[in-house]
Amino acid sequence: MERDNEDRNSTLPKRLKVIGGHHGTGAIVVRLAKAKGYQVTIFEGDVLDFDQVKQQIRDVDAVISLLGPRKDSVPDLCSHGMQNIVSVMAANKVKRLVQVTGAMIGHPRNRLGLVYRLILATVPDSMMADRRLQEKIVMQSGLDWTLIRPTRLSDDPARGVWRDGIDEKVGAFAHIARADVAEAALRALADARSIGKALTLQY
């Protein structure tokens, strides 16, 4: 049995690139990944520049991406950047991708509580279209992907436990700490059962 564990562990990704690792949830991902023994590098550059992406995503085993819209970012940041990322990953034979998006982006609308639907109504259609296209690009990439869709983020201490359903009801007060989102992303990375799944996180 010990030999089986050793063999399985030897196949886990060791060299990890984190996109969006300088701040917020991404910075927590970097800290936790280093503590778990990953060789971590942070993406440096412009995801909209294919050549820069090509230089950055090589000699790694997996990517955790927190690519999301920034203030004053171009309307197609997420979809254009994501297409560059998955194209380079495929070309460089980097198969494993965990992308963090959000519950309002891909979780079934009829399973979102009233508060979430009201918030969703205030988000510009162009932004939502870009983020939904981002998820579609991931799902059609041919990579070993997992989508992580957190509910409202908080800076509360990690609890270490959460629900990660695919279509369960998201209530008005659903939320999750950034630290638990980071941990969930790393757990998914190491769990082949999460490949091809979109997991909505909430307490």
N, C-alpha and C. Protein backbone atom coordinates (compact mmCIF):
# COMPACT_ATOMS: atom_id res chain seq x y z
N MET A 1 0.83 -1.21 0.00
CA MET A 1 0.00 0.00 0.00
C MET A 1 0.86 1.25 0.00
N GLU A 2 1.95 1.21 0.77
CA GLU A 2 2.84 2.36 0.81
C GLU A 2 3.43 2.61 -0.58
N ARG A 3 3.73 1.53 -1.29
CA ARG A 3 4.30 1.67 -2.63
C ARG A 3 3.28 2.33 -3.56
N ASP A 4 1.98 1.96 -3.41
CA ASP A 4 0.94 2.58 -4.23
C ASP A 4 0.88 4.07 -3.99
N ASN A 5 0.97 4.47 -2.72
CA ASN A 5 0.94 5.90 -2.40
C ASN A 5 2.12 6.62 -3.00
N GLU A 6 3.30 5.98 -2.93
CA GLU A 6 4.48 6.60 -3.49
C GLU A 6 4.33 6.79 -5.00
N ASP A 7 3.79 5.75 -5.68
CA ASP A 7 3.63 5.84 -7.12
C ASP A 7 2.64 6.94 -7.47
N ARG A 8 1.53 7.02 -6.71
CA ARG A 8 0.51 8.03 -6.99
C ARG A 8 1.07 9.42 -6.75
N ASN A 9 1.81 9.60 -5.65
CA ASN A 9 2.37 10.91 -5.34
C ASN A 9 3.39 11.35 -6.38
N SER A 10 4.08 10.38 -6.97
CA SER A 10 5.11 10.73 -7.95
C SER A 10 4.49 11.31 -9.21
N THR A 11 3.18 11.05 -9.44
CA THR A 11 2.52 11.56 -10.64
C THR A 11 1.87 12.92 -10.40
N LEU A 12 1.82 13.37 -9.16
CA LEU A 12 1.21 14.66 -8.88
C LEU A 12 2.06 15.79 -9.45
N PRO A 13 1.43 16.89 -9.86
CA PRO A 13 2.22 18.02 -10.37
C PRO A 13 3.13 18.59 -9.28
N LYS A 14 4.34 18.91 -9.66
CA LYS A 14 5.29 19.46 -8.71
C LYS A 14 5.59 20.93 -9.00
N ARG A 15 5.72 21.24 -10.30
CA ARG A 15 6.09 22.60 -10.72
C ARG A 15 4.80 23.35 -11.11
N LEU A 16 4.52 24.40 -10.37
CA LEU A 16 3.22 25.06 -10.49
C LEU A 16 3.39 26.53 -10.89
N LYS A 17 2.64 26.94 -11.89
CA LYS A 17 2.57 28.35 -12.27
C LYS A 17 1.24 28.91 -11.77
N VAL A 18 1.29 30.05 -11.08
CA VAL A 18 0.08 30.68 -10.58
C VAL A 18 -0.12 32.00 -11.32
N ILE A 19 -1.25 32.12 -11.98
CA ILE A 19 -1.61 33.36 -12.68
C ILE A 19 -2.51 34.17 -11.76
N GLY A 20 -2.09 35.39 -11.46
CA GLY A 20 -2.81 36.21 -10.49
C GLY A 20 -2.33 35.95 -9.07
N GLY A 21 -1.05 35.64 -8.94
CA GLY A 21 -0.51 35.23 -7.65
C GLY A 21 0.09 36.33 -6.80
N HIS A 22 -0.06 37.57 -7.23
CA HIS A 22 0.55 38.68 -6.48
C HIS A 22 -0.35 39.26 -5.40
N HIS A 23 -1.64 38.96 -5.44
CA HIS A 23 -2.54 39.61 -4.49
C HIS A 23 -3.76 38.72 -4.24
N GLY A 24 -4.52 39.08 -3.22
CA GLY A 24 -5.79 38.41 -2.94
C GLY A 24 -5.67 36.91 -2.77
N THR A 25 -6.65 36.22 -3.32
CA THR A 25 -6.69 34.76 -3.21
C THR A 25 -5.46 34.13 -3.84
N GLY A 26 -4.98 34.72 -4.92
CA GLY A 26 -3.82 34.16 -5.60
C GLY A 26 -2.58 34.15 -4.73
N ALA A 27 -2.38 35.21 -3.95
CA ALA A 27 -1.22 35.25 -3.05
C ALA A 27 -1.32 34.16 -2.00
N ILE A 28 -2.54 33.87 -1.56
CA ILE A 28 -2.73 32.78 -0.58
C ILE A 28 -2.43 31.44 -1.23
N VAL A 29 -2.85 31.27 -2.49
CA VAL A 29 -2.52 30.04 -3.22
C VAL A 29 -1.01 29.83 -3.25
N VAL A 30 -0.28 30.88 -3.56
CA VAL A 30 1.18 30.78 -3.64
C VAL A 30 1.77 30.37 -2.29
N ARG A 31 1.31 31.02 -1.23
CA ARG A 31 1.85 30.71 0.11
C ARG A 31 1.55 29.26 0.51
N LEU A 32 0.31 28.83 0.30
CA LEU A 32 -0.06 27.47 0.67
C LEU A 32 0.66 26.43 -0.19
N ALA A 33 0.78 26.73 -1.48
CA ALA A 33 1.44 25.78 -2.37
C ALA A 33 2.90 25.58 -1.99
N LYS A 34 3.57 26.65 -1.63
CA LYS A 34 4.97 26.53 -1.19
C LYS A 34 5.06 25.71 0.08
N ALA A 35 4.11 25.92 0.99
CA ALA A 35 4.10 25.16 2.25
C ALA A 35 3.87 23.68 2.00
N LYS A 36 3.16 23.36 0.91
CA LYS A 36 2.88 21.96 0.58
C LYS A 36 4.00 21.33 -0.25
N GLY A 37 5.02 22.09 -0.57
CA GLY A 37 6.17 21.54 -1.26
C GLY A 37 6.18 21.71 -2.77
N TYR A 38 5.23 22.48 -3.30
CA TYR A 38 5.26 22.74 -4.74
C TYR A 38 6.41 23.70 -5.08
N GLN A 39 6.93 23.55 -6.28
CA GLN A 39 7.86 24.54 -6.83
C GLN A 39 6.99 25.58 -7.55
N VAL A 40 6.85 26.74 -6.95
CA VAL A 40 5.87 27.72 -7.41
C VAL A 40 6.55 28.92 -8.07
N THR A 41 6.03 29.29 -9.23
CA THR A 41 6.41 30.56 -9.84
C THR A 41 5.13 31.32 -10.16
N ILE A 42 5.22 32.64 -10.10
CA ILE A 42 4.09 33.50 -10.38
C ILE A 42 4.20 34.04 -11.80
N PHE A 43 3.09 34.04 -12.50
CA PHE A 43 3.06 34.58 -13.85
C PHE A 43 3.40 36.07 -13.82
N GLU A 44 4.33 36.46 -14.66
CA GLU A 44 4.74 37.86 -14.78
C GLU A 44 4.53 38.30 -16.21
N GLY A 45 3.73 39.31 -16.42
CA GLY A 45 3.53 39.78 -17.79
C GLY A 45 2.08 40.00 -18.12
N ASP A 46 1.80 40.06 -19.39
CA ASP A 46 0.48 40.39 -19.91
C ASP A 46 -0.14 39.15 -20.55
N VAL A 47 -1.25 38.68 -20.01
CA VAL A 47 -1.88 37.48 -20.55
C VAL A 47 -2.44 37.72 -21.95
N LEU A 48 -2.59 38.98 -22.35
CA LEU A 48 -3.08 39.28 -23.68
C LEU A 48 -1.98 39.22 -24.74
N ASP A 49 -0.74 39.10 -24.30
CA ASP A 49 0.40 39.02 -25.20
C ASP A 49 0.81 37.55 -25.32
N PHE A 50 0.50 36.94 -26.45
CA PHE A 50 0.73 35.51 -26.63
C PHE A 50 2.19 35.14 -26.40
N ASP A 51 3.11 35.95 -26.89
CA ASP A 51 4.53 35.63 -26.75
C ASP A 51 4.95 35.64 -25.28
N GLN A 52 4.41 36.58 -24.50
CA GLN A 52 4.73 36.59 -23.07
C GLN A 52 4.16 35.36 -22.37
N VAL A 53 2.95 34.98 -22.73
CA VAL A 53 2.36 33.78 -22.13
C VAL A 53 3.21 32.55 -22.50
N LYS A 54 3.65 32.51 -23.74
CA LYS A 54 4.47 31.38 -24.20
C LYS A 54 5.77 31.28 -23.41
N GLN A 55 6.34 32.41 -23.08
CA GLN A 55 7.58 32.42 -22.30
C GLN A 55 7.34 31.99 -20.85
N GLN A 56 6.20 32.34 -20.32
CA GLN A 56 5.92 32.10 -18.90
C GLN A 56 5.44 30.68 -18.60
N ILE A 57 4.63 30.13 -19.48
CA ILE A 57 4.04 28.81 -19.18
C ILE A 57 4.83 27.73 -19.92
N ARG A 58 5.94 27.40 -19.36
CA ARG A 58 6.78 26.32 -19.87
C ARG A 58 7.57 25.76 -18.69
N ASP A 59 8.00 24.53 -18.83
CA ASP A 59 8.74 23.85 -17.77
C ASP A 59 7.95 23.84 -16.47
N VAL A 60 6.63 23.66 -16.58
CA VAL A 60 5.78 23.50 -15.40
C VAL A 60 4.87 22.29 -15.62
N ASP A 61 4.30 21.79 -14.54
CA ASP A 61 3.42 20.63 -14.62
C ASP A 61 1.94 21.01 -14.58
N ALA A 62 1.64 22.18 -14.05
CA ALA A 62 0.24 22.57 -13.87
C ALA A 62 0.14 24.08 -13.72
N VAL A 63 -1.08 24.57 -13.94
CA VAL A 63 -1.37 25.99 -13.81
C VAL A 63 -2.60 26.17 -12.93
N ILE A 64 -2.51 27.07 -11.96
CA ILE A 64 -3.70 27.56 -11.26
C ILE A 64 -3.86 29.01 -11.68
N SER A 65 -5.01 29.31 -12.25
CA SER A 65 -5.26 30.66 -12.76
C SER A 65 -6.38 31.32 -11.98
N LEU A 66 -6.13 32.57 -11.61
CA LEU A 66 -7.15 33.40 -10.99
C LEU A 66 -7.43 34.60 -11.89
N LEU A 67 -7.27 34.40 -13.18
CA LEU A 67 -7.49 35.46 -14.14
C LEU A 67 -8.93 35.95 -14.05
N GLY A 68 -9.07 37.23 -13.78
CA GLY A 68 -10.38 37.85 -13.70
C GLY A 68 -10.28 39.30 -14.09
N PRO A 69 -11.41 39.98 -14.28
CA PRO A 69 -11.38 41.38 -14.72
C PRO A 69 -10.79 42.29 -13.67
N ARG A 70 -10.08 43.29 -14.13
CA ARG A 70 -9.53 44.32 -13.26
C ARG A 70 -10.21 45.63 -13.59
N LYS A 71 -10.04 46.61 -12.72
CA LYS A 71 -10.59 47.92 -13.00
C LYS A 71 -9.98 48.47 -14.28
N ASP A 72 -10.83 48.92 -15.17
CA ASP A 72 -10.40 49.50 -16.44
C ASP A 72 -9.72 48.49 -17.37
N SER A 73 -9.92 47.19 -17.15
CA SER A 73 -9.34 46.21 -18.06
C SER A 73 -10.14 46.16 -19.36
N VAL A 74 -9.52 45.66 -20.40
CA VAL A 74 -10.20 45.60 -21.70
C VAL A 74 -11.36 44.61 -21.60
N PRO A 75 -12.39 44.79 -22.43
CA PRO A 75 -13.61 43.98 -22.29
C PRO A 75 -13.41 42.48 -22.47
N ASP A 76 -12.39 42.09 -23.22
CA ASP A 76 -12.18 40.66 -23.48
C ASP A 76 -10.97 40.10 -22.74
N LEU A 77 -10.60 40.75 -21.64
CA LEU A 77 -9.42 40.29 -20.90
C LEU A 77 -9.49 38.81 -20.57
N CYS A 78 -10.60 38.37 -20.00
CA CYS A 78 -10.69 37.00 -19.49
C CYS A 78 -10.72 35.97 -20.62
N SER A 79 -11.52 36.22 -21.65
CA SER A 79 -11.61 35.25 -22.73
C SER A 79 -10.35 35.24 -23.60
N HIS A 80 -9.85 36.43 -23.95
CA HIS A 80 -8.65 36.51 -24.76
C HIS A 80 -7.45 35.93 -24.00
N GLY A 81 -7.30 36.35 -22.75
CA GLY A 81 -6.20 35.83 -21.94
C GLY A 81 -6.30 34.33 -21.74
N MET A 82 -7.51 33.83 -21.52
CA MET A 82 -7.70 32.40 -21.30
C MET A 82 -7.35 31.60 -22.55
N GLN A 83 -7.74 32.14 -23.72
CA GLN A 83 -7.40 31.44 -24.96
C GLN A 83 -5.90 31.35 -25.14
N ASN A 84 -5.19 32.42 -24.82
CA ASN A 84 -3.72 32.36 -24.89
C ASN A 84 -3.17 31.31 -23.93
N ILE A 85 -3.71 31.29 -22.73
CA ILE A 85 -3.22 30.36 -21.71
C ILE A 85 -3.42 28.91 -22.14
N VAL A 86 -4.62 28.56 -22.54
CA VAL A 86 -4.88 27.15 -22.88
C VAL A 86 -4.15 26.74 -24.15
N SER A 87 -3.99 27.68 -25.10
CA SER A 87 -3.26 27.36 -26.33
C SER A 87 -1.80 27.06 -26.03
N VAL A 88 -1.19 27.88 -25.18
CA VAL A 88 0.21 27.65 -24.81
C VAL A 88 0.35 26.37 -23.99
N MET A 89 -0.57 26.15 -23.07
CA MET A 89 -0.51 24.92 -22.28
C MET A 89 -0.56 23.69 -23.18
N ALA A 90 -1.48 23.69 -24.13
CA ALA A 90 -1.59 22.55 -25.05
C ALA A 90 -0.32 22.36 -25.86
N ALA A 91 0.23 23.47 -26.36
CA ALA A 91 1.44 23.40 -27.18
C ALA A 91 2.63 22.88 -26.38
N ASN A 92 2.69 23.27 -25.09
CA ASN A 92 3.81 22.88 -24.24
C ASN A 92 3.53 21.63 -23.41
N LYS A 93 2.40 20.97 -23.73
CA LYS A 93 2.03 19.71 -23.07
C LYS A 93 1.90 19.85 -21.56
N VAL A 94 1.34 20.98 -21.14
CA VAL A 94 0.99 21.20 -19.73
C VAL A 94 -0.50 20.92 -19.62
N LYS A 95 -0.87 19.80 -19.04
CA LYS A 95 -2.25 19.32 -19.14
C LYS A 95 -3.16 19.83 -18.02
N ARG A 96 -2.63 20.08 -16.84
CA ARG A 96 -3.49 20.30 -15.67
C ARG A 96 -3.74 21.78 -15.44
N LEU A 97 -5.02 22.15 -15.40
CA LEU A 97 -5.42 23.54 -15.21
C LEU A 97 -6.54 23.62 -14.19
N VAL A 98 -6.36 24.49 -13.20
CA VAL A 98 -7.43 24.85 -12.27
C VAL A 98 -7.69 26.33 -12.44
N GLN A 99 -8.90 26.68 -12.83
CA GLN A 99 -9.27 28.08 -13.05
C GLN A 99 -10.32 28.49 -12.03
N VAL A 100 -10.07 29.59 -11.31
CA VAL A 100 -11.03 30.13 -10.35
C VAL A 100 -11.86 31.20 -11.04
N THR A 101 -13.18 31.06 -11.00
CA THR A 101 -14.07 32.06 -11.59
C THR A 101 -15.01 32.58 -10.50
N GLY A 102 -16.29 32.21 -10.54
CA GLY A 102 -17.21 32.69 -9.52
C GLY A 102 -18.58 32.05 -9.69
N ALA A 103 -19.33 31.99 -8.60
CA ALA A 103 -20.63 31.32 -8.63
C ALA A 103 -21.60 32.00 -9.60
N MET A 104 -21.54 33.31 -9.71
CA MET A 104 -22.48 34.02 -10.57
C MET A 104 -22.18 33.81 -12.05
N ILE A 105 -21.01 33.29 -12.36
CA ILE A 105 -20.62 33.14 -13.76
C ILE A 105 -21.21 31.89 -14.37
N GLY A 106 -21.05 30.77 -13.69
CA GLY A 106 -21.47 29.53 -14.33
C GLY A 106 -22.44 28.67 -13.56
N HIS A 107 -22.68 28.99 -12.29
CA HIS A 107 -23.62 28.18 -11.53
C HIS A 107 -25.02 28.37 -12.12
N PRO A 108 -25.83 27.29 -12.19
CA PRO A 108 -27.17 27.43 -12.77
C PRO A 108 -27.95 28.59 -12.15
N ARG A 109 -28.46 29.47 -13.00
CA ARG A 109 -29.13 30.67 -12.51
C ARG A 109 -30.31 30.34 -11.59
N ASN A 110 -31.05 29.28 -11.93
CA ASN A 110 -32.21 28.94 -11.12
C ASN A 110 -31.84 28.34 -9.77
N ARG A 111 -30.54 28.15 -9.55
CA ARG A 111 -30.07 27.65 -8.25
C ARG A 111 -29.37 28.75 -7.46
N LEU A 112 -29.39 29.98 -7.99
CA LEU A 112 -28.85 31.13 -7.27
C LEU A 112 -29.98 31.80 -6.49
N GLY A 113 -29.69 32.18 -5.24
CA GLY A 113 -30.68 32.87 -4.42
C GLY A 113 -31.00 34.25 -4.95
N LEU A 114 -32.05 34.85 -4.40
CA LEU A 114 -32.53 36.14 -4.88
C LEU A 114 -31.45 37.21 -4.83
N VAL A 115 -30.69 37.28 -3.74
CA VAL A 115 -29.65 38.31 -3.62
C VAL A 115 -28.64 38.18 -4.74
N TYR A 116 -28.22 36.96 -5.03
CA TYR A 116 -27.24 36.75 -6.09
C TYR A 116 -27.81 37.14 -7.45
N ARG A 117 -29.08 36.85 -7.68
CA ARG A 117 -29.69 37.21 -8.95
C ARG A 117 -29.84 38.73 -9.09
N LEU A 118 -30.10 39.40 -7.97
CA LEU A 118 -30.18 40.87 -8.01
C LEU A 118 -28.82 41.48 -8.30
N ILE A 119 -27.78 40.94 -7.66
CA ILE A 119 -26.42 41.42 -7.94
C ILE A 119 -26.07 41.17 -9.39
N LEU A 120 -26.40 39.99 -9.87
CA LEU A 120 -26.09 39.63 -11.24
C LEU A 120 -26.72 40.60 -12.23
N ALA A 121 -27.89 41.09 -11.88
CA ALA A 121 -28.60 42.03 -12.77
C ALA A 121 -27.88 43.37 -12.89
N THR A 122 -26.98 43.67 -11.94
CA THR A 122 -26.27 44.95 -11.97
C THR A 122 -24.93 44.86 -12.69
N VAL A 123 -24.49 43.64 -13.00
CA VAL A 123 -23.19 43.46 -13.65
C VAL A 123 -23.35 43.68 -15.15
N PRO A 124 -22.47 44.47 -15.76
CA PRO A 124 -22.58 44.70 -17.20
C PRO A 124 -22.61 43.40 -18.00
N ASP A 125 -23.49 43.35 -18.97
CA ASP A 125 -23.62 42.15 -19.80
C ASP A 125 -22.31 41.77 -20.46
N SER A 126 -21.55 42.77 -20.88
CA SER A 126 -20.29 42.49 -21.57
C SER A 126 -19.30 41.76 -20.66
N MET A 127 -19.28 42.14 -19.39
CA MET A 127 -18.38 41.49 -18.44
C MET A 127 -18.78 40.04 -18.21
N MET A 128 -20.09 39.82 -18.04
CA MET A 128 -20.55 38.46 -17.82
C MET A 128 -20.32 37.60 -19.06
N ALA A 129 -20.53 38.18 -20.24
CA ALA A 129 -20.31 37.43 -21.47
C ALA A 129 -18.85 37.02 -21.60
N ASP A 130 -17.94 37.92 -21.22
CA ASP A 130 -16.51 37.63 -21.29
C ASP A 130 -16.15 36.50 -20.33
N ARG A 131 -16.70 36.54 -19.12
CA ARG A 131 -16.37 35.52 -18.13
C ARG A 131 -16.99 34.18 -18.49
N ARG A 132 -18.19 34.20 -19.05
CA ARG A 132 -18.80 32.93 -19.46
C ARG A 132 -18.04 32.31 -20.62
N LEU A 133 -17.57 33.17 -21.53
CA LEU A 133 -16.74 32.67 -22.62
C LEU A 133 -15.43 32.12 -22.08
N GLN A 134 -14.89 32.76 -21.06
CA GLN A 134 -13.68 32.25 -20.42
C GLN A 134 -13.89 30.82 -19.94
N GLU A 135 -15.00 30.57 -19.24
CA GLU A 135 -15.29 29.22 -18.77
C GLU A 135 -15.46 28.26 -19.94
N LYS A 136 -16.13 28.70 -20.98
CA LYS A 136 -16.34 27.84 -22.15
C LYS A 136 -15.01 27.44 -22.78
N ILE A 137 -14.10 28.39 -22.86
CA ILE A 137 -12.77 28.11 -23.41
C ILE A 137 -12.07 27.05 -22.57
N VAL A 138 -12.15 27.17 -21.27
CA VAL A 138 -11.55 26.17 -20.38
C VAL A 138 -12.16 24.80 -20.65
N MET A 139 -13.49 24.74 -20.69
CA MET A 139 -14.17 23.45 -20.81
C MET A 139 -13.97 22.79 -22.17
N GLN A 140 -13.68 23.60 -23.18
CA GLN A 140 -13.45 23.05 -24.52
C GLN A 140 -11.96 22.94 -24.87
N SER A 141 -11.11 23.13 -23.89
CA SER A 141 -9.66 23.22 -24.14
C SER A 141 -9.00 21.88 -24.44
N GLY A 142 -9.62 20.77 -24.01
CA GLY A 142 -8.96 19.48 -24.13
C GLY A 142 -7.95 19.21 -23.03
N LEU A 143 -7.81 20.17 -22.10
CA LEU A 143 -6.89 19.99 -20.96
C LEU A 143 -7.59 19.24 -19.84
N ASP A 144 -6.84 18.87 -18.84
CA ASP A 144 -7.40 18.28 -17.61
C ASP A 144 -7.79 19.45 -16.69
N TRP A 145 -8.99 19.96 -16.86
CA TRP A 145 -9.38 21.20 -16.20
C TRP A 145 -10.31 20.95 -15.03
N THR A 146 -10.28 21.91 -14.11
CA THR A 146 -11.27 22.02 -13.04
C THR A 146 -11.61 23.50 -12.90
N LEU A 147 -12.89 23.81 -12.80
CA LEU A 147 -13.33 25.17 -12.50
C LEU A 147 -13.72 25.26 -11.03
N ILE A 148 -13.23 26.29 -10.36
CA ILE A 148 -13.59 26.58 -8.98
C ILE A 148 -14.43 27.85 -8.99
N ARG A 149 -15.68 27.74 -8.50
CA ARG A 149 -16.60 28.88 -8.53
C ARG A 149 -16.98 29.28 -7.10
N PRO A 150 -16.20 30.13 -6.47
CA PRO A 150 -16.54 30.54 -5.11
C PRO A 150 -17.75 31.46 -5.08
N THR A 151 -18.49 31.39 -3.98
CA THR A 151 -19.52 32.37 -3.70
C THR A 151 -18.83 33.63 -3.17
N ARG A 152 -19.59 34.52 -2.52
CA ARG A 152 -19.01 35.79 -2.07
C ARG A 152 -17.76 35.54 -1.22
N LEU A 153 -16.68 36.24 -1.57
CA LEU A 153 -15.41 36.06 -0.88
C LEU A 153 -15.33 36.91 0.38
N SER A 154 -14.71 36.35 1.40
CA SER A 154 -14.46 37.10 2.63
C SER A 154 -13.00 36.91 3.02
N ASP A 155 -12.55 37.76 3.92
CA ASP A 155 -11.19 37.64 4.45
C ASP A 155 -11.19 36.98 5.82
N ASP A 156 -12.23 36.23 6.13
CA ASP A 156 -12.32 35.51 7.40
C ASP A 156 -11.26 34.42 7.47
N PRO A 157 -10.95 33.95 8.67
CA PRO A 157 -10.02 32.82 8.79
C PRO A 157 -10.57 31.58 8.09
N ALA A 158 -9.66 30.76 7.61
CA ALA A 158 -10.07 29.51 6.96
C ALA A 158 -10.79 28.60 7.94
N ARG A 159 -11.78 27.89 7.45
CA ARG A 159 -12.48 26.88 8.25
C ARG A 159 -11.96 25.47 7.95
N GLY A 160 -11.46 25.30 6.73
CA GLY A 160 -10.97 23.98 6.35
C GLY A 160 -12.04 23.04 5.84
N VAL A 161 -13.30 23.43 5.90
CA VAL A 161 -14.40 22.63 5.38
C VAL A 161 -15.36 23.53 4.62
N TRP A 162 -15.98 23.00 3.59
CA TRP A 162 -16.92 23.75 2.77
C TRP A 162 -17.72 22.76 1.93
N ARG A 163 -18.75 23.27 1.27
CA ARG A 163 -19.50 22.46 0.32
C ARG A 163 -19.03 22.84 -1.08
N ASP A 164 -18.94 21.85 -1.95
CA ASP A 164 -18.47 22.12 -3.31
C ASP A 164 -19.39 21.45 -4.33
N GLY A 165 -20.68 21.71 -4.19
CA GLY A 165 -21.66 21.10 -5.07
C GLY A 165 -21.63 21.66 -6.48
N ILE A 166 -22.22 20.91 -7.40
CA ILE A 166 -22.27 21.31 -8.80
C ILE A 166 -23.53 22.12 -9.09
N ASP A 167 -24.65 21.75 -8.48
CA ASP A 167 -25.89 22.46 -8.77
C ASP A 167 -26.75 22.70 -7.54
N GLU A 168 -26.12 22.68 -6.34
CA GLU A 168 -26.91 22.90 -5.14
C GLU A 168 -27.32 24.37 -5.01
N LYS A 169 -28.30 24.61 -4.17
CA LYS A 169 -28.83 25.96 -3.98
C LYS A 169 -27.79 26.86 -3.33
N VAL A 170 -27.63 28.05 -3.91
CA VAL A 170 -26.76 29.07 -3.34
C VAL A 170 -27.65 30.10 -2.67
N GLY A 171 -27.61 30.16 -1.35
CA GLY A 171 -28.49 31.04 -0.61
C GLY A 171 -28.03 32.49 -0.60
N ALA A 172 -28.87 33.34 -0.03
CA ALA A 172 -28.61 34.78 -0.03
C ALA A 172 -27.32 35.14 0.68
N PHE A 173 -26.97 34.39 1.72
CA PHE A 173 -25.80 34.74 2.52
C PHE A 173 -24.62 33.80 2.27
N ALA A 174 -24.67 33.07 1.19
CA ALA A 174 -23.58 32.15 0.87
C ALA A 174 -22.27 32.90 0.71
N HIS A 175 -21.21 32.36 1.30
CA HIS A 175 -19.91 32.99 1.19
C HIS A 175 -18.84 31.96 1.49
N ILE A 176 -17.59 32.36 1.31
CA ILE A 176 -16.47 31.49 1.64
C ILE A 176 -15.22 32.36 1.77
N ALA A 177 -14.33 31.97 2.66
CA ALA A 177 -13.10 32.72 2.87
C ALA A 177 -12.11 32.48 1.74
N ARG A 178 -11.37 33.52 1.41
CA ARG A 178 -10.35 33.40 0.37
C ARG A 178 -9.38 32.26 0.67
N ALA A 179 -9.03 32.11 1.94
CA ALA A 179 -8.08 31.07 2.32
C ALA A 179 -8.62 29.69 1.99
N ASP A 180 -9.91 29.47 2.15
CA ASP A 180 -10.49 28.17 1.82
C ASP A 180 -10.61 27.98 0.31
N VAL A 181 -10.82 29.06 -0.44
CA VAL A 181 -10.81 28.95 -1.90
C VAL A 181 -9.43 28.52 -2.37
N ALA A 182 -8.40 29.12 -1.80
CA ALA A 182 -7.03 28.75 -2.17
C ALA A 182 -6.75 27.29 -1.86
N GLU A 183 -7.18 26.85 -0.69
CA GLU A 183 -6.99 25.45 -0.30
C GLU A 183 -7.77 24.53 -1.23
N ALA A 184 -8.99 24.93 -1.58
CA ALA A 184 -9.81 24.10 -2.48
C ALA A 184 -9.16 23.96 -3.85
N ALA A 185 -8.56 25.03 -4.34
CA ALA A 185 -7.89 24.98 -5.63
C ALA A 185 -6.72 24.00 -5.60
N LEU A 186 -5.98 24.02 -4.51
CA LEU A 186 -4.84 23.11 -4.39
C LEU A 186 -5.29 21.67 -4.18
N ARG A 187 -6.36 21.46 -3.45
CA ARG A 187 -6.88 20.10 -3.29
C ARG A 187 -7.36 19.56 -4.63
N ALA A 188 -8.04 20.41 -5.40
CA ALA A 188 -8.52 19.98 -6.71
C ALA A 188 -7.37 19.63 -7.63
N LEU A 189 -6.32 20.42 -7.55
CA LEU A 189 -5.14 20.19 -8.39
C LEU A 189 -4.61 18.77 -8.20
N ALA A 190 -4.63 18.30 -6.97
CA ALA A 190 -4.05 17.00 -6.63
C ALA A 190 -5.07 15.86 -6.69
N ASP A 191 -6.31 16.16 -7.07
CA ASP A 191 -7.37 15.15 -7.04
C ASP A 191 -7.91 14.93 -8.45
N ALA A 192 -7.56 13.80 -9.04
CA ALA A 192 -8.00 13.51 -10.40
C ALA A 192 -9.51 13.44 -10.52
N ARG A 193 -10.20 13.20 -9.41
CA ARG A 193 -11.67 13.12 -9.47
C ARG A 193 -12.30 14.47 -9.78
N SER A 194 -11.56 15.56 -9.62
CA SER A 194 -12.11 16.89 -9.90
C SER A 194 -11.96 17.29 -11.36
N ILE A 195 -11.24 16.49 -12.14
CA ILE A 195 -11.02 16.84 -13.54
C ILE A 195 -12.35 16.83 -14.30
N GLY A 196 -12.56 17.88 -15.06
CA GLY A 196 -13.79 17.99 -15.84
C GLY A 196 -15.00 18.43 -15.05
N LYS A 197 -14.77 18.97 -13.85
CA LYS A 197 -15.89 19.39 -13.01
C LYS A 197 -15.80 20.89 -12.71
N ALA A 198 -16.96 21.50 -12.52
CA ALA A 198 -17.07 22.88 -12.10
C ALA A 198 -17.68 22.88 -10.71
N LEU A 199 -16.91 23.29 -9.72
CA LEU A 199 -17.30 23.17 -8.31
C LEU A 199 -17.62 24.53 -7.71
N THR A 200 -18.84 24.71 -7.26
CA THR A 200 -19.24 25.94 -6.60
C THR A 200 -19.00 25.81 -5.11
N LEU A 201 -18.24 26.73 -4.53
CA LEU A 201 -17.82 26.64 -3.12
C LEU A 201 -18.67 27.54 -2.25
N GLN A 202 -19.12 27.00 -1.12
CA GLN A 202 -19.82 27.79 -0.12
C GLN A 202 -19.78 27.02 1.20
N TYR A 203 -20.03 27.73 2.28
CA TYR A 203 -20.11 27.08 3.59
C TYR A 203 -21.50 26.49 3.79
